[in-house]
């Protein structure tokens, strides 16, 4: 039985490098996805605020306070 049995240091280093690359890609993808979701949420909020504002303005112009 050899004392140093198992993958060589070079193989272990290559596996470590590859796993680091995969992790970096996964983190980058998550960041991009999160950024896209945040943009979409902000756009939805802006559209909702615009619609609410327009509805309030319309409501204000239709109220008759002359009585």
N, C-alpha and C. Protein backbone atom coordinates (compact mmCIF):
# COMPACT_ATOMS: atom_id res chain seq x y z
N UNK A 1 0.85 -1.20 0.00
CA UNK A 1 0.00 0.00 0.00
C UNK A 1 0.89 1.24 0.00
N UNK A 2 0.58 2.14 -0.89
CA UNK A 2 1.37 3.36 -0.99
C UNK A 2 0.96 4.36 0.10
N UNK A 3 1.91 5.14 0.53
CA UNK A 3 1.62 6.13 1.57
C UNK A 3 0.78 7.27 1.00
N UNK A 4 1.08 7.71 -0.21
CA UNK A 4 0.38 8.85 -0.82
C UNK A 4 -0.72 8.42 -1.75
N UNK A 5 -1.51 7.41 -1.40
CA UNK A 5 -2.56 6.95 -2.31
C UNK A 5 -3.65 8.01 -2.42
N UNK A 6 -4.35 8.02 -3.55
CA UNK A 6 -5.38 9.01 -3.80
C UNK A 6 -4.95 9.91 -4.95
N UNK A 7 -5.78 10.86 -5.31
CA UNK A 7 -5.45 11.74 -6.42
C UNK A 7 -4.19 12.57 -6.12
N UNK A 8 -3.47 12.85 -7.17
CA UNK A 8 -2.26 13.65 -7.00
C UNK A 8 -2.62 15.09 -6.63
N UNK A 9 -1.65 15.82 -6.15
CA UNK A 9 -1.87 17.22 -5.79
C UNK A 9 -2.32 18.02 -7.00
N UNK A 10 -1.77 17.70 -8.17
CA UNK A 10 -2.14 18.40 -9.39
C UNK A 10 -3.62 18.19 -9.72
N UNK A 11 -4.08 16.95 -9.59
CA UNK A 11 -5.48 16.65 -9.86
C UNK A 11 -6.37 17.36 -8.86
N UNK A 12 -5.98 17.34 -7.59
CA UNK A 12 -6.76 18.02 -6.56
C UNK A 12 -6.84 19.53 -6.84
N UNK A 13 -5.73 20.10 -7.30
CA UNK A 13 -5.69 21.53 -7.60
C UNK A 13 -6.61 21.85 -8.78
N UNK A 14 -6.60 21.02 -9.81
CA UNK A 14 -7.47 21.24 -10.96
C UNK A 14 -8.94 21.15 -10.57
N UNK A 15 -9.28 20.18 -9.71
CA UNK A 15 -10.66 20.03 -9.25
C UNK A 15 -11.07 21.26 -8.44
N UNK A 16 -10.18 21.75 -7.60
CA UNK A 16 -10.46 22.93 -6.80
C UNK A 16 -10.67 24.16 -7.68
N UNK A 17 -9.81 24.31 -8.71
CA UNK A 17 -9.97 25.43 -9.63
C UNK A 17 -11.32 25.37 -10.35
N UNK A 18 -11.67 24.17 -10.82
CA UNK A 18 -12.92 24.01 -11.55
C UNK A 18 -14.12 24.29 -10.65
N UNK A 19 -14.08 23.80 -9.42
CA UNK A 19 -15.20 24.03 -8.51
C UNK A 19 -15.32 25.52 -8.18
N UNK A 20 -14.19 26.21 -8.09
CA UNK A 20 -14.22 27.65 -7.83
C UNK A 20 -14.85 28.38 -9.02
N UNK A 21 -14.50 27.99 -10.23
CA UNK A 21 -15.09 28.59 -11.43
C UNK A 21 -16.60 28.39 -11.46
N UNK A 22 -17.04 27.18 -11.13
CA UNK A 22 -18.47 26.87 -11.14
C UNK A 22 -19.19 27.70 -10.09
N UNK A 23 -18.58 27.84 -8.91
CA UNK A 23 -19.19 28.66 -7.86
C UNK A 23 -19.27 30.13 -8.29
N UNK A 24 -18.23 30.63 -8.92
CA UNK A 24 -18.24 32.02 -9.38
C UNK A 24 -19.34 32.25 -10.41
N UNK A 25 -19.49 31.29 -11.33
CA UNK A 25 -20.54 31.40 -12.34
C UNK A 25 -21.92 31.39 -11.69
N UNK A 26 -22.10 30.53 -10.70
CA UNK A 26 -23.39 30.44 -10.02
C UNK A 26 -23.71 31.74 -9.29
N UNK A 27 -22.72 32.30 -8.60
CA UNK A 27 -22.92 33.55 -7.88
C UNK A 27 -23.22 34.68 -8.86
N UNK A 28 -22.49 34.75 -9.95
CA UNK A 28 -22.74 35.79 -10.96
C UNK A 28 -24.15 35.68 -11.54
N UNK A 29 -24.59 34.46 -11.80
CA UNK A 29 -25.93 34.27 -12.34
C UNK A 29 -26.98 34.69 -11.32
N UNK A 30 -26.76 34.35 -10.05
CA UNK A 30 -27.71 34.75 -9.00
C UNK A 30 -27.78 36.27 -8.89
N UNK A 31 -26.63 36.92 -8.97
CA UNK A 31 -26.60 38.38 -8.90
C UNK A 31 -27.34 39.02 -10.08
N UNK A 32 -27.12 38.47 -11.26
CA UNK A 32 -27.82 38.99 -12.45
C UNK A 32 -29.33 38.79 -12.33
N UNK A 33 -29.73 37.61 -11.87
CA UNK A 33 -31.15 37.32 -11.71
C UNK A 33 -31.78 38.24 -10.67
N UNK A 34 -31.07 38.44 -9.56
CA UNK A 34 -31.58 39.32 -8.51
C UNK A 34 -31.70 40.75 -9.00
N UNK A 35 -30.72 41.18 -9.76
CA UNK A 35 -30.74 42.54 -10.31
C UNK A 35 -31.91 42.71 -11.26
N UNK A 36 -32.16 41.72 -12.09
CA UNK A 36 -33.28 41.78 -13.03
C UNK A 36 -34.61 41.80 -12.28
N UNK A 37 -34.72 40.99 -11.25
CA UNK A 37 -35.96 40.97 -10.46
C UNK A 37 -36.20 42.32 -9.79
N UNK A 38 -35.14 42.91 -9.27
CA UNK A 38 -35.26 44.21 -8.61
C UNK A 38 -35.71 45.28 -9.60
N UNK A 39 -35.14 45.25 -10.80
CA UNK A 39 -35.56 46.20 -11.84
C UNK A 39 -37.05 46.05 -12.15
N UNK A 40 -37.48 44.81 -12.31
CA UNK A 40 -38.89 44.55 -12.63
C UNK A 40 -39.80 45.01 -11.50
N UNK A 41 -39.36 44.79 -10.26
CA UNK A 41 -40.16 45.23 -9.11
C UNK A 41 -40.26 46.75 -9.08
N UNK A 42 -39.15 47.42 -9.34
CA UNK A 42 -39.15 48.88 -9.34
C UNK A 42 -40.08 49.42 -10.44
N UNK A 43 -40.03 48.80 -11.61
CA UNK A 43 -40.91 49.23 -12.71
C UNK A 43 -42.37 49.03 -12.34
N UNK A 44 -42.67 47.91 -11.68
CA UNK A 44 -44.04 47.63 -11.26
C UNK A 44 -44.51 48.67 -10.24
N UNK A 45 -43.65 49.01 -9.30
CA UNK A 45 -44.00 50.01 -8.29
C UNK A 45 -44.25 51.36 -8.97
N UNK A 46 -43.38 51.74 -9.90
CA UNK A 46 -43.55 53.02 -10.59
C UNK A 46 -44.86 53.06 -11.36
N UNK A 47 -45.18 51.97 -12.06
CA UNK A 47 -46.43 51.92 -12.82
C UNK A 47 -47.64 52.00 -11.89
N UNK A 48 -47.54 51.31 -10.76
CA UNK A 48 -48.64 51.32 -9.80
C UNK A 48 -48.82 52.71 -9.22
N UNK A 49 -47.71 53.37 -8.90
CA UNK A 49 -47.79 54.73 -8.36
C UNK A 49 -48.38 55.69 -9.38
N UNK A 50 -47.98 55.55 -10.63
CA UNK A 50 -48.52 56.42 -11.68
C UNK A 50 -50.02 56.21 -11.83
N UNK A 51 -50.44 54.95 -11.84
CA UNK A 51 -51.86 54.65 -11.99
C UNK A 51 -52.63 55.17 -10.78
N UNK A 52 -52.09 54.99 -9.58
CA UNK A 52 -52.77 55.48 -8.38
C UNK A 52 -52.86 57.00 -8.40
N UNK A 53 -51.80 57.64 -8.80
CA UNK A 53 -51.80 59.10 -8.89
C UNK A 53 -52.82 59.60 -9.88
N UNK A 54 -52.88 58.95 -11.02
CA UNK A 54 -53.85 59.34 -12.05
C UNK A 54 -55.27 59.13 -11.54
N UNK A 55 -55.50 58.05 -10.82
CA UNK A 55 -56.83 57.77 -10.28
C UNK A 55 -57.21 58.83 -9.25
N UNK A 56 -56.26 59.22 -8.42
CA UNK A 56 -56.55 60.24 -7.41
C UNK A 56 -56.83 61.59 -8.05
N UNK A 57 -56.07 61.92 -9.08
CA UNK A 57 -56.31 63.19 -9.79
C UNK A 57 -57.69 63.16 -10.43
N UNK A 58 -58.03 62.06 -11.05
CA UNK A 58 -59.35 61.91 -11.66
C UNK A 58 -60.44 62.01 -10.62
N UNK A 59 -60.22 61.42 -9.46
CA UNK A 59 -61.20 61.47 -8.38
C UNK A 59 -61.38 62.91 -7.90
N UNK A 60 -60.27 63.62 -7.77
CA UNK A 60 -60.32 65.00 -7.30
C UNK A 60 -61.06 65.91 -8.25
N UNK A 61 -60.97 65.65 -9.53
CA UNK A 61 -61.65 66.53 -10.50
C UNK A 61 -63.13 66.20 -10.63
N UNK A 62 -63.55 65.04 -10.13
CA UNK A 62 -64.96 64.67 -10.28
C UNK A 62 -65.77 64.95 -9.02
N UNK A 63 -65.13 65.40 -7.96
CA UNK A 63 -65.85 65.68 -6.72
C UNK A 63 -66.49 67.07 -6.82
N UNK A 64 -67.75 67.13 -6.51
CA UNK A 64 -68.47 68.42 -6.56
C UNK A 64 -68.59 68.96 -5.14
N UNK A 65 -67.88 70.03 -4.87
CA UNK A 65 -67.89 70.62 -3.52
C UNK A 65 -68.62 71.95 -3.52
N UNK A 66 -69.46 72.20 -4.51
CA UNK A 66 -70.13 73.50 -4.63
C UNK A 66 -71.38 73.59 -3.77
N UNK A 67 -71.79 72.48 -3.17
CA UNK A 67 -73.02 72.49 -2.39
C UNK A 67 -72.80 73.14 -1.13
